Amino acid sequence: MRADKAGFIVLVRRGVTAAVGQAILAESFLWVQREAVLSFQSCVSRGITPRYLSNGNFYRIYSLDGRIKDTAHRVVHDVKNVGFALDHLYSGGVLPFFRMVWFTARIGSFLGWRVPLAMIGYFVAAGVIVRLVMPDYTALYKQISTCSARFTFCHTRIKTCAESIAFFAGDEREYEITNQRFEEVMQLEWTRNWLTFKFRVIEDFFRARMPELIRWVMVFSYARLFGGTDAEMLADKGAKVNRGQTYLQTLCQQLFGCLGKLIGLAEPWANMTGMLSNISEVLEVIDELEQPGSVANPTSSTTAVTVQASDDSVIALKSADIVTPGGNCVAQNLSLELRPGRGIMVTGPNAVGKSSLVRVLGGLWPLHNGCLVRKASNAAAGEDGAGLPSVRDIFFVPQRIHMVSGSLWDQISYPDKIGVLEPTKQAELQAVLDLVGVGYLIERWKDDSSHVEDPEKVLAAIAHGTYCKCQVCQQAAGEQNGLSPLFMN
């Protein structure tokens, strides 16, 4: 250092520069990798979410089809996790593979190609054996995913129905249901843990123990085959053999380290396969639901469904059968006609088909027999005119009222979004609220739906020239707007 201080300083500068360059290069590689993962997640989400939330597919999957019970979990969690799984597989699979090929070639150039060929045979045999003894992680992941979604749904339902549960003192019952779902998840987790233990014993044998033994065999074999005579070893005090053994040991450590990483990807690969299978099943179900011949498609009936294209707002059923998604026929050969200015009251005990009738009229359920005459919007109608009706033509008030996130204007205009509320538009909305007797809500509503004391009256404010299911809508707005209500009792 004293003899060449300037050279030493130059060497340090070069080292620091190289370190900075390596840091930038390494982080740039990771940044590109993360960007690719985010792009993949974005592409999958943009591909599946619009289809899931269009044409009522989300309703058909849950209420009409019924094959997938955890669609939300798959659309949200699996799409997110599959991106991280791809990131892990790329960093833990692609790079180790190319490094393993490189180190195998280096060993071949050092010892000859008979040794690499034997090592490749070991790699293939180890991979086949590990694959044969590996549990079905794909099926396990799908089962755990389904049970986890059911467990999450239990807590979501408790939050939604908290007031009713507290009023009826249903704490113990809800605990029993939730604990049952939790035990289902834990039973699968314990099963997977036990299967993983047995699998990891075999995997560790081929991934770590055998490579360690092979490495020492190769090191000692090198000394026996390439060490030379005793005189040659004494002449250089074994320096040549030591250098060769050290070099070979380094190559073997790198090579078998990469092999261990590749074998360790078996379980993550199977889990990712389960995630992709879940996502593909959702897309397959959506494809089937959108087919014209699907029984869960309300616009594709087995018989002719006539949609009136004129301005006449008549609604009629002719010799129609009302069939539930489960295949139960709740009404046969039903005929009715409803014209503007007239009302019909449908009465009967629970579960006789009153709500089912309205779901068919509203286009939520398909008509399996007979003829339905109703008006449909031009934008929603298909080529045969059998599109879903506009909300201004048939207004359906569901049994579970949906309160949107946002302002009172968002609740009234749903599903439309009001941007800048002009004074004229505000006055119009105020008049609608005054019409149903809830104009005072303007002062109370602070972007929180909990301030609404009677949500049905707010929904009644939306009923401009529509067919309604609730008597409140008819009483509040029907007489002044000339609605044709359909009473349900």
Protein backbone atom coordinates (compact mmCIF):
# COMPACT_ATOMS: atom_id res chain seq x y z
CA MET A 1 0.00 0.00 0.00
CA ARG A 2 2.82 2.41 0.81
CA ALA A 3 4.63 1.48 -2.38
CA ASP A 4 1.64 2.18 -4.61
CA LYS A 5 -0.85 4.27 -2.70
CA ALA A 6 -2.28 5.83 -5.85
CA GLY A 7 -2.90 2.39 -7.36
CA PHE A 8 -4.64 1.28 -4.20
CA ILE A 9 -6.94 4.32 -4.29
CA VAL A 10 -7.77 3.62 -7.94
CA LEU A 11 -8.55 0.01 -7.04
CA VAL A 12 -10.91 1.12 -4.24
CA ARG A 13 -12.66 3.56 -6.60
CA ARG A 14 -13.14 0.84 -9.16
CA GLY A 15 -14.51 -1.47 -6.49
CA VAL A 16 -17.00 1.14 -5.29
CA THR A 17 -18.04 1.93 -8.87
CA ALA A 18 -18.53 -1.76 -9.60
CA ALA A 19 -20.56 -2.17 -6.40
CA VAL A 20 -22.81 0.76 -7.34
CA GLY A 21 -23.28 -0.64 -10.84
CA GLN A 22 -24.12 -4.09 -9.49
CA ALA A 23 -26.64 -2.59 -7.03
CA ILE A 24 -28.34 -0.61 -9.80
CA LEU A 25 -28.34 -3.63 -12.11
CA ALA A 26 -29.73 -5.98 -9.45
CA GLU A 27 -32.49 -3.59 -8.38
CA SER A 28 -33.29 -2.77 -12.01
CA PHE A 29 -33.77 -6.46 -12.66
CA LEU A 30 -36.06 -6.79 -9.64
CA TRP A 31 -37.97 -3.67 -10.68
CA VAL A 32 -38.58 -5.06 -14.16
CA GLN A 33 -39.63 -8.35 -12.59
CA ARG A 34 -42.11 -6.64 -10.27
CA GLU A 35 -43.42 -4.52 -13.13
CA ALA A 36 -44.04 -7.69 -15.14
CA VAL A 37 -45.92 -9.25 -12.20
CA LEU A 38 -48.07 -6.12 -11.75
CA SER A 39 -48.77 -6.03 -15.49
CA PHE A 40 -49.85 -9.66 -15.37
CA GLN A 41 -52.16 -9.02 -12.42
CA SER A 42 -53.58 -5.97 -14.16
CA CYS A 43 -54.20 -7.86 -17.41
CA VAL A 44 -55.92 -10.76 -15.64
CA SER A 45 -58.05 -8.44 -13.50
CA ARG A 46 -59.00 -6.27 -16.47
CA GLY A 47 -59.90 -9.41 -18.39
CA ILE A 48 -62.06 -11.13 -15.78
CA THR A 49 -63.59 -8.31 -13.71
CA PRO A 50 -65.48 -6.53 -16.54
CA ARG A 51 -66.99 -9.82 -17.68
CA TYR A 52 -67.86 -10.81 -14.12
CA LEU A 53 -69.58 -7.46 -13.47
CA SER A 54 -71.47 -7.22 -16.77
CA ASN A 55 -74.77 -8.61 -18.07
CA GLY A 56 -75.69 -9.74 -14.57
CA ASN A 57 -73.07 -12.52 -14.63
CA PHE A 58 -72.28 -12.00 -10.94
CA TYR A 59 -75.95 -12.68 -10.13
CA ARG A 60 -76.21 -15.68 -12.44
CA ILE A 61 -73.11 -17.33 -11.00
CA TYR A 62 -74.40 -17.15 -7.42
CA SER A 63 -78.16 -17.43 -7.85
CA LEU A 64 -78.75 -19.35 -11.08
CA ASP A 65 -75.69 -21.46 -11.84
CA GLY A 66 -74.45 -22.36 -8.36
CA ARG A 67 -71.33 -24.29 -9.38
CA ILE A 68 -68.91 -21.75 -7.89
CA LYS A 69 -69.55 -20.51 -4.36
CA ASP A 70 -66.33 -18.52 -3.84
CA THR A 71 -66.22 -16.38 -6.97
CA ALA A 72 -65.23 -13.19 -5.12
CA HIS A 73 -62.33 -15.01 -3.43
CA ARG A 74 -61.09 -16.25 -6.79
CA VAL A 75 -61.47 -12.92 -8.56
CA VAL A 76 -59.68 -10.99 -5.79
CA HIS A 77 -57.26 -13.25 -3.90
CA ASP A 78 -56.33 -15.83 -6.54
CA VAL A 79 -55.67 -13.20 -9.20
CA LYS A 80 -53.42 -11.36 -6.75
CA ASN A 81 -51.63 -14.47 -5.44
CA VAL A 82 -51.00 -15.98 -8.85
CA GLY A 83 -48.92 -12.92 -9.73
CA PHE A 84 -46.75 -13.39 -6.65
CA ALA A 85 -46.48 -17.10 -7.44
CA LEU A 86 -45.22 -16.32 -10.94
CA ASP A 87 -42.69 -13.90 -9.44
CA HIS A 88 -41.45 -16.61 -7.09
CA LEU A 89 -41.31 -19.23 -9.83
CA TYR A 90 -39.37 -16.93 -12.13
CA SER A 91 -36.79 -15.84 -9.57
CA GLY A 92 -36.54 -19.32 -8.07
CA GLY A 93 -36.84 -21.32 -11.27
CA VAL A 94 -35.65 -19.62 -14.44
CA LEU A 95 -32.38 -18.23 -13.11
CA PRO A 96 -31.39 -21.41 -11.20
CA PHE A 97 -32.11 -23.47 -14.32
CA PHE A 98 -29.74 -21.48 -16.51
CA ARG A 99 -27.14 -21.40 -13.74
CA MET A 100 -27.42 -25.17 -13.40
CA VAL A 101 -26.87 -25.60 -17.15
CA TRP A 102 -23.85 -23.31 -16.95
CA PHE A 103 -22.21 -25.10 -14.02
CA THR A 104 -22.92 -28.50 -15.57
CA ALA A 105 -21.11 -27.36 -18.71
CA ARG A 106 -18.18 -26.12 -16.60
CA ILE A 107 -17.91 -29.48 -14.86
CA GLY A 108 -18.03 -31.19 -18.27
CA SER A 109 -15.14 -29.11 -19.56
CA PHE A 110 -13.21 -29.84 -16.37
CA LEU A 111 -13.81 -33.59 -15.94
CA GLY A 112 -15.15 -34.70 -19.31
CA TRP A 113 -18.75 -35.17 -20.42
CA ARG A 114 -19.36 -38.57 -18.87
CA VAL A 115 -19.78 -36.98 -15.42
CA PRO A 116 -22.33 -34.30 -16.55
CA LEU A 117 -24.35 -36.94 -18.40
CA ALA A 118 -24.53 -39.01 -15.23
CA MET A 119 -25.54 -35.90 -13.27
CA ILE A 120 -28.27 -35.07 -15.79
CA GLY A 121 -29.57 -38.61 -15.36
CA TYR A 122 -29.70 -38.02 -11.60
CA PHE A 123 -31.51 -34.71 -12.10
CA VAL A 124 -34.19 -36.35 -14.25
CA ALA A 125 -34.61 -39.34 -11.93
CA ALA A 126 -34.86 -37.11 -8.86
CA GLY A 127 -37.43 -34.87 -10.54
CA VAL A 128 -39.58 -37.82 -11.63
CA ILE A 129 -39.51 -39.45 -8.18
CA VAL A 130 -40.32 -36.19 -6.41
CA ARG A 131 -43.21 -35.57 -8.79
CA LEU A 132 -44.60 -39.07 -8.23
CA VAL A 133 -44.58 -38.82 -4.43
CA MET A 134 -45.81 -35.21 -4.29
CA PRO A 135 -49.32 -34.80 -2.82
CA ASP A 136 -52.06 -33.31 -4.97
CA TYR A 137 -51.41 -29.74 -3.84
CA THR A 138 -53.62 -28.40 -6.63
CA ALA A 139 -56.71 -30.13 -5.25
CA LEU A 140 -55.71 -29.27 -1.68
CA TYR A 141 -55.34 -25.59 -2.53
CA LYS A 142 -58.76 -25.51 -4.19
CA GLN A 143 -60.39 -27.19 -1.19
CA ILE A 144 -58.69 -24.84 1.28
CA SER A 145 -59.58 -21.85 -0.88
CA THR A 146 -63.24 -22.87 -0.93
CA CYS A 147 -63.40 -23.49 2.82
CA SER A 148 -61.54 -20.23 3.55
CA ALA A 149 -64.05 -18.32 1.43
CA ARG A 150 -66.93 -19.93 3.35
CA PHE A 151 -65.26 -19.02 6.65
CA THR A 152 -64.79 -15.43 5.49
CA PHE A 153 -68.42 -15.31 4.37
CA CYS A 154 -69.54 -16.29 7.88
CA HIS A 155 -67.83 -13.24 9.36
CA THR A 156 -69.16 -11.02 6.56
CA ARG A 157 -72.68 -12.27 7.19
CA ILE A 158 -72.34 -11.59 10.93
CA LYS A 159 -71.33 -8.01 10.16
CA THR A 160 -74.23 -7.57 7.74
CA CYS A 161 -76.83 -9.09 10.06
CA ALA A 162 -75.30 -7.90 13.35
CA GLU A 163 -78.42 -6.08 14.50
CA SER A 164 -80.73 -9.06 13.94
CA ILE A 165 -78.27 -11.47 15.56
CA ALA A 166 -77.91 -9.25 18.60
CA PHE A 167 -81.69 -8.78 18.90
CA PHE A 168 -82.38 -12.52 18.79
CA ALA A 169 -79.38 -13.29 21.05
CA GLY A 170 -77.92 -15.59 18.41
CA ASP A 171 -74.35 -15.41 19.70
CA GLU A 172 -73.99 -19.11 20.48
CA ARG A 173 -75.59 -20.20 17.23
CA GLU A 174 -73.36 -17.92 15.15
CA TYR A 175 -70.32 -19.12 17.10
CA GLU A 176 -71.30 -22.71 16.34
CA ILE A 177 -71.61 -21.99 12.61
CA THR A 178 -68.40 -19.95 12.45
CA ASN A 179 -66.44 -22.48 14.49
CA GLN A 180 -67.63 -25.27 12.21
CA ARG A 181 -66.29 -23.41 9.18
CA PHE A 182 -63.05 -22.72 11.03
CA GLU A 183 -62.64 -26.41 11.91
CA GLU A 184 -63.12 -27.32 8.25
CA VAL A 185 -60.30 -24.99 7.27
CA MET A 186 -58.01 -26.21 10.04
CA GLN A 187 -58.69 -29.87 9.24
CA LEU A 188 -57.52 -29.29 5.69
CA GLU A 189 -54.51 -27.31 6.94
CA TRP A 190 -53.52 -30.15 9.30
CA THR A 191 -53.92 -32.64 6.45
CA ARG A 192 -51.75 -30.56 4.16
CA ASN A 193 -49.14 -30.13 6.89
CA TRP A 194 -48.89 -33.91 7.46
CA LEU A 195 -48.70 -34.66 3.74
CA THR A 196 -46.09 -31.93 3.34
CA PHE A 197 -44.00 -33.45 6.13
CA LYS A 198 -43.89 -36.85 4.43
CA PHE A 199 -43.19 -35.27 1.06
CA ARG A 200 -40.44 -33.01 2.39
CA VAL A 201 -38.57 -36.00 3.85
CA ILE A 202 -38.24 -37.53 0.38
CA GLU A 203 -37.64 -34.16 -1.21
CA ASP A 204 -34.86 -33.33 1.25
CA PHE A 205 -33.20 -36.66 0.52
CA PHE A 206 -32.90 -35.92 -3.22
CA ARG A 207 -32.44 -32.15 -2.84
CA ALA A 208 -29.78 -31.96 -0.10
CA ARG A 209 -28.55 -35.29 1.27
CA MET A 210 -27.77 -37.17 -1.93
CA PRO A 211 -26.15 -34.12 -3.61
CA GLU A 212 -23.89 -33.73 -0.56
CA LEU A 213 -22.81 -37.35 -0.86
CA ILE A 214 -22.29 -37.04 -4.61
CA ARG A 215 -20.22 -33.91 -4.13
CA TRP A 216 -17.76 -35.60 -1.75
CA VAL A 217 -17.54 -38.67 -4.00
CA MET A 218 -16.64 -36.42 -6.95
CA VAL A 219 -14.03 -34.52 -4.92
CA PHE A 220 -12.25 -37.66 -3.72
CA SER A 221 -12.59 -39.31 -7.14
CA TYR A 222 -10.87 -36.31 -8.69
CA ALA A 223 -7.88 -36.77 -6.39
CA ARG A 224 -7.66 -40.46 -7.28
CA LEU A 225 -8.05 -39.97 -11.04
CA PHE A 226 -6.22 -36.68 -11.63
CA GLY A 227 -3.85 -36.44 -8.69
CA GLY A 228 -0.91 -37.97 -10.52
CA THR A 229 1.77 -40.12 -8.96
CA ASP A 230 3.02 -39.90 -5.43
CA ALA A 231 6.21 -38.24 -6.64
CA GLU A 232 4.24 -35.53 -8.46
CA MET A 233 2.10 -34.85 -5.43
CA LEU A 234 5.16 -34.61 -3.18
CA ALA A 235 6.88 -32.30 -5.65
CA ASP A 236 4.18 -29.59 -5.47
CA LYS A 237 2.92 -30.62 -2.01
CA GLY A 238 -0.52 -31.44 -3.44
CA ALA A 239 -1.19 -27.85 -4.61
CA LYS A 240 -2.50 -28.94 -8.01
CA VAL A 241 -4.90 -31.48 -6.53
CA ASN A 242 -6.05 -28.99 -3.90
CA ARG A 243 -6.80 -26.34 -6.52
CA GLY A 244 -8.76 -28.83 -8.61
CA GLN A 245 -10.71 -30.14 -5.64
CA THR A 246 -11.52 -26.63 -4.43
CA TYR A 247 -12.70 -25.59 -7.88
CA LEU A 248 -14.77 -28.75 -8.30
CA GLN A 249 -16.31 -28.40 -4.85
CA THR A 250 -17.33 -24.82 -5.63
CA LEU A 251 -18.95 -25.90 -8.91
CA CYS A 252 -20.82 -28.74 -7.18
CA GLN A 253 -22.08 -26.46 -4.42
CA GLN A 254 -23.47 -24.01 -6.96
CA LEU A 255 -24.88 -26.78 -9.15
CA PHE A 256 -26.69 -28.71 -6.43
CA GLY A 257 -27.86 -25.48 -4.81
CA CYS A 258 -29.65 -24.62 -8.04
CA LEU A 259 -31.03 -28.16 -8.23
CA GLY A 260 -32.43 -27.82 -4.71
CA LYS A 261 -34.20 -24.59 -5.67
CA LEU A 262 -35.77 -26.24 -8.70
CA ILE A 263 -36.97 -29.27 -6.74
CA GLY A 264 -38.35 -26.96 -4.05
CA LEU A 265 -40.61 -25.32 -6.63
CA ALA A 266 -42.82 -28.40 -6.89
CA GLU A 267 -45.24 -27.27 -4.18
CA PRO A 268 -45.45 -23.57 -5.26
CA TRP A 269 -46.00 -24.74 -8.84
CA ALA A 270 -48.89 -26.98 -7.78
CA ASN A 271 -50.43 -24.14 -5.73
CA MET A 272 -50.17 -21.78 -8.67
CA THR A 273 -51.82 -24.42 -10.85
CA GLY A 274 -54.70 -24.47 -8.37
CA MET A 275 -55.01 -20.67 -8.55
CA LEU A 276 -55.03 -20.70 -12.35
CA SER A 277 -57.57 -23.51 -12.30
CA ASN A 278 -59.85 -21.46 -10.04
CA ILE A 279 -59.58 -18.44 -12.33
CA SER A 280 -60.12 -20.48 -15.50
CA GLU A 281 -63.21 -22.12 -13.97
CA VAL A 282 -64.74 -18.68 -13.39
CA LEU A 283 -64.06 -17.72 -17.01
CA GLU A 284 -65.47 -21.03 -18.26
CA VAL A 285 -68.66 -20.55 -16.24
CA ILE A 286 -69.03 -16.99 -17.56
CA ASP A 287 -68.54 -18.28 -21.12
CA GLU A 288 -71.26 -20.86 -20.60
CA LEU A 289 -73.64 -18.35 -19.01
CA GLU A 290 -73.24 -16.00 -21.96
CA GLN A 291 -74.09 -18.71 -24.46
CA PRO A 292 -77.59 -18.29 -25.99
CA GLY A 293 -78.55 -21.83 -24.99
CA SER A 294 -77.62 -21.52 -21.33
CA VAL A 295 -80.46 -22.26 -18.91
CA ALA A 296 -79.06 -19.58 -16.58
CA ASN A 297 -79.28 -16.89 -19.25
CA PRO A 298 -82.56 -15.00 -18.79
CA THR A 299 -82.42 -13.80 -22.40
CA SER A 300 -82.21 -17.31 -23.85
CA SER A 301 -85.38 -19.24 -23.14
CA THR A 302 -86.29 -22.65 -24.47
CA THR A 303 -89.43 -21.06 -25.91
CA ALA A 304 -90.13 -17.72 -27.55
CA VAL A 305 -89.81 -14.73 -25.25
CA THR A 306 -91.43 -11.72 -26.89
CA VAL A 307 -90.21 -8.26 -25.98
CA GLN A 308 -92.59 -5.52 -27.02
CA ALA A 309 -90.77 -2.89 -29.03
CA SER A 310 -93.56 -0.29 -29.10
CA ASP A 311 -94.22 2.42 -26.56
CA ASP A 312 -97.04 0.41 -25.04
CA SER A 313 -95.83 -0.47 -21.51
CA VAL A 314 -97.86 -3.64 -21.14
CA ILE A 315 -96.47 -6.58 -19.19
CA ALA A 316 -97.99 -9.98 -19.85
CA LEU A 317 -97.38 -13.64 -19.16
CA LYS A 318 -99.05 -16.25 -21.33
CA SER A 319 -99.16 -19.89 -20.24
CA ALA A 320 -95.87 -19.40 -18.41
CA ASP A 321 -94.14 -21.75 -15.96
CA ILE A 322 -92.19 -20.15 -13.09
CA VAL A 323 -89.21 -22.40 -12.31
CA THR A 324 -86.59 -21.76 -9.63
CA PRO A 325 -82.84 -22.20 -10.32
CA GLY A 326 -83.06 -25.46 -8.36
CA GLY A 327 -85.56 -26.84 -10.87
CA ASN A 328 -88.72 -26.50 -8.73
CA CYS A 329 -91.79 -25.34 -10.63
CA VAL A 330 -93.68 -22.97 -8.32
CA ALA A 331 -96.34 -21.93 -10.85
CA GLN A 332 -97.69 -23.60 -13.99
CA ASN A 333 -99.62 -22.24 -16.93
CA LEU A 334 -99.67 -18.73 -15.45
CA SER A 335 -101.21 -15.91 -17.45
CA LEU A 336 -101.60 -12.24 -16.47
CA GLU A 337 -101.64 -8.83 -18.08
CA LEU A 338 -100.68 -5.54 -16.46
CA ARG A 339 -101.26 -2.20 -18.18
CA PRO A 340 -100.42 1.35 -17.09
CA GLY A 341 -102.86 2.67 -14.53
CA ARG A 342 -103.80 -0.77 -13.20
CA GLY A 343 -102.50 -2.67 -10.18
CA ILE A 344 -102.25 -6.33 -9.33
CA MET A 345 -101.83 -7.74 -5.85
CA VAL A 346 -100.23 -11.16 -5.59
CA THR A 347 -100.78 -12.85 -2.24
CA GLY A 348 -99.90 -16.20 -0.74
CA PRO A 349 -97.85 -17.97 1.92
CA ASN A 350 -94.07 -17.88 2.00
CA ALA A 351 -92.15 -19.73 -0.72
CA VAL A 352 -95.06 -20.08 -3.15
CA GLY A 353 -93.35 -18.03 -5.88
CA LYS A 354 -94.35 -14.38 -5.38
CA SER A 355 -90.75 -13.12 -5.55
CA SER A 356 -89.97 -15.69 -8.25
CA LEU A 357 -92.68 -14.15 -10.42
CA VAL A 358 -91.15 -10.68 -10.10
CA ARG A 359 -87.67 -12.05 -10.85
CA VAL A 360 -88.97 -13.49 -14.10
CA LEU A 361 -90.76 -10.24 -14.99
CA GLY A 362 -87.62 -8.28 -14.16
CA GLY A 363 -85.45 -10.47 -16.38
CA LEU A 364 -83.36 -11.93 -13.56
CA TRP A 365 -84.61 -15.49 -14.04
CA PRO A 366 -85.17 -17.23 -17.38
CA LEU A 367 -88.60 -18.28 -18.57
CA HIS A 368 -88.64 -22.01 -19.24
CA ASN A 369 -92.08 -22.28 -20.81
CA GLY A 370 -94.72 -19.92 -22.13
CA CYS A 371 -94.41 -16.36 -23.34
CA LEU A 372 -93.39 -13.11 -21.66
CA VAL A 373 -94.29 -9.74 -23.15
CA ARG A 374 -92.48 -6.73 -21.76
CA LYS A 375 -90.58 -3.68 -22.86
CA ALA A 376 -86.78 -3.69 -23.11
CA SER A 377 -84.34 -0.87 -23.67
CA ASN A 378 -82.71 -0.71 -27.09
CA ALA A 379 -79.24 -0.79 -25.54
CA ALA A 380 -80.00 -3.91 -23.57
CA ALA A 381 -81.94 -5.80 -26.20
CA GLY A 382 -80.22 -8.49 -28.17
CA GLU A 383 -80.64 -9.36 -31.83
CA ASP A 384 -83.89 -11.17 -31.09
CA GLY A 385 -85.13 -8.37 -28.86
CA ALA A 386 -84.90 -10.46 -25.72
CA GLY A 387 -82.70 -8.13 -23.74
CA LEU A 388 -83.11 -7.19 -20.09
CA PRO A 389 -85.65 -4.41 -19.43
CA SER A 390 -84.53 -0.94 -18.54
CA VAL A 391 -84.85 0.20 -14.92
CA ARG A 392 -87.24 2.90 -16.17
CA ASP A 393 -89.48 0.23 -17.69
CA ILE A 394 -89.58 -2.30 -14.84
CA PHE A 395 -88.34 -1.22 -11.42
CA PHE A 396 -87.54 -4.13 -9.12
CA VAL A 397 -87.18 -3.47 -5.38
CA PRO A 398 -85.23 -6.43 -3.95
CA GLN A 399 -85.90 -7.90 -0.55
CA ARG A 400 -82.42 -6.88 0.61
CA ILE A 401 -82.08 -3.17 -0.12
CA HIS A 402 -78.74 -2.03 -1.50
CA MET A 403 -77.37 1.16 0.05
CA VAL A 404 -74.57 2.56 -2.05
CA SER A 405 -71.39 4.20 -0.79
CA GLY A 406 -71.48 7.93 -1.39
CA SER A 407 -73.90 10.78 -1.14
CA LEU A 408 -77.67 10.84 -1.09
CA TRP A 409 -77.63 11.86 -4.75
CA ASP A 410 -75.62 8.72 -5.54
CA GLN A 411 -78.30 6.64 -3.81
CA ILE A 412 -81.10 8.25 -5.81
CA SER A 413 -79.31 8.16 -9.17
CA TYR A 414 -77.83 4.65 -8.78
CA PRO A 415 -76.47 3.09 -10.96
CA ASP A 416 -75.77 6.42 -12.69
CA LYS A 417 -73.12 8.65 -11.17
CA ILE A 418 -73.83 12.34 -10.87
CA GLY A 419 -70.69 14.41 -11.30
CA VAL A 420 -71.15 18.12 -10.78
CA LEU A 421 -74.62 18.62 -9.31
CA GLU A 422 -76.08 21.65 -11.08
CA PRO A 423 -78.72 23.76 -9.28
CA THR A 424 -81.46 22.68 -11.69
CA LYS A 425 -80.64 19.01 -11.18
CA GLN A 426 -80.45 19.48 -7.42
CA ALA A 427 -83.86 21.11 -7.42
CA GLU A 428 -85.25 18.20 -9.42
CA LEU A 429 -83.82 15.65 -6.98
CA GLN A 430 -85.10 17.71 -4.03
CA ALA A 431 -88.59 17.65 -5.56
CA VAL A 432 -88.43 13.87 -5.90
CA LEU A 433 -87.44 13.47 -2.24
CA ASP A 434 -90.18 15.87 -1.16
CA LEU A 435 -92.64 13.81 -3.21
CA VAL A 436 -92.03 10.72 -1.08
CA GLY A 437 -91.79 12.66 2.18
CA VAL A 438 -88.06 12.39 2.90
CA GLY A 439 -86.83 15.80 1.79
CA TYR A 440 -85.43 16.41 5.27
CA LEU A 441 -82.69 13.86 4.54
CA ILE A 442 -80.77 16.53 2.64
CA GLU A 443 -79.67 18.07 5.91
CA ARG A 444 -78.89 14.75 7.60
CA TRP A 445 -77.04 12.85 4.92
CA LYS A 446 -73.29 13.21 5.30
CA ASP A 447 -72.02 10.56 2.88
CA ASP A 448 -73.22 7.86 5.26
CA SER A 449 -76.18 5.59 4.44
CA SER A 450 -76.80 4.93 8.15
CA HIS A 451 -78.68 8.26 8.33
CA VAL A 452 -81.50 6.87 6.19
CA GLU A 453 -84.44 5.90 8.39
CA ASP A 454 -86.59 4.40 5.60
CA PRO A 455 -84.50 3.14 2.68
CA GLU A 456 -87.61 2.01 0.78
CA LYS A 457 -88.78 5.61 0.57
CA VAL A 458 -85.43 6.61 -0.90
CA LEU A 459 -85.77 3.83 -3.43
CA ALA A 460 -89.27 5.02 -4.13
CA ALA A 461 -87.76 8.31 -5.20
CA ILE A 462 -86.05 6.49 -8.05
CA ALA A 463 -89.28 5.04 -9.36
CA HIS A 464 -90.00 7.36 -12.29
CA GLY A 465 -92.60 5.56 -14.39
CA THR A 466 -91.65 2.06 -13.23
CA TYR A 467 -93.27 -1.15 -12.02
CA CYS A 468 -92.52 -1.59 -8.31
CA LYS A 469 -92.67 -4.44 -5.85
CA CYS A 470 -93.24 -2.41 -2.67
CA GLN A 471 -96.44 -0.71 -1.59
CA VAL A 472 -94.48 2.31 -0.32
CA CYS A 473 -93.47 3.16 -3.91
CA GLN A 474 -97.08 3.12 -5.07
CA GLN A 475 -98.37 5.17 -2.20
CA ALA A 476 -95.58 7.73 -2.33
CA ALA A 477 -95.09 8.21 -6.03
CA GLY A 478 -97.51 6.06 -7.99
CA GLU A 479 -100.61 8.18 -7.75
CA GLN A 480 -98.84 11.33 -8.93
CA ASN A 481 -96.65 9.70 -11.59
CA GLY A 482 -99.20 7.26 -12.99
CA LEU A 483 -97.24 4.11 -12.18
CA SER A 484 -98.59 0.62 -12.59
CA PRO A 485 -97.67 -1.08 -9.33
CA LEU A 486 -97.44 -4.82 -8.73
CA PHE A 487 -98.25 -5.41 -5.06
CA MET A 488 -96.69 -8.35 -3.25
CA ASN A 489 -98.09 -9.46 0.07
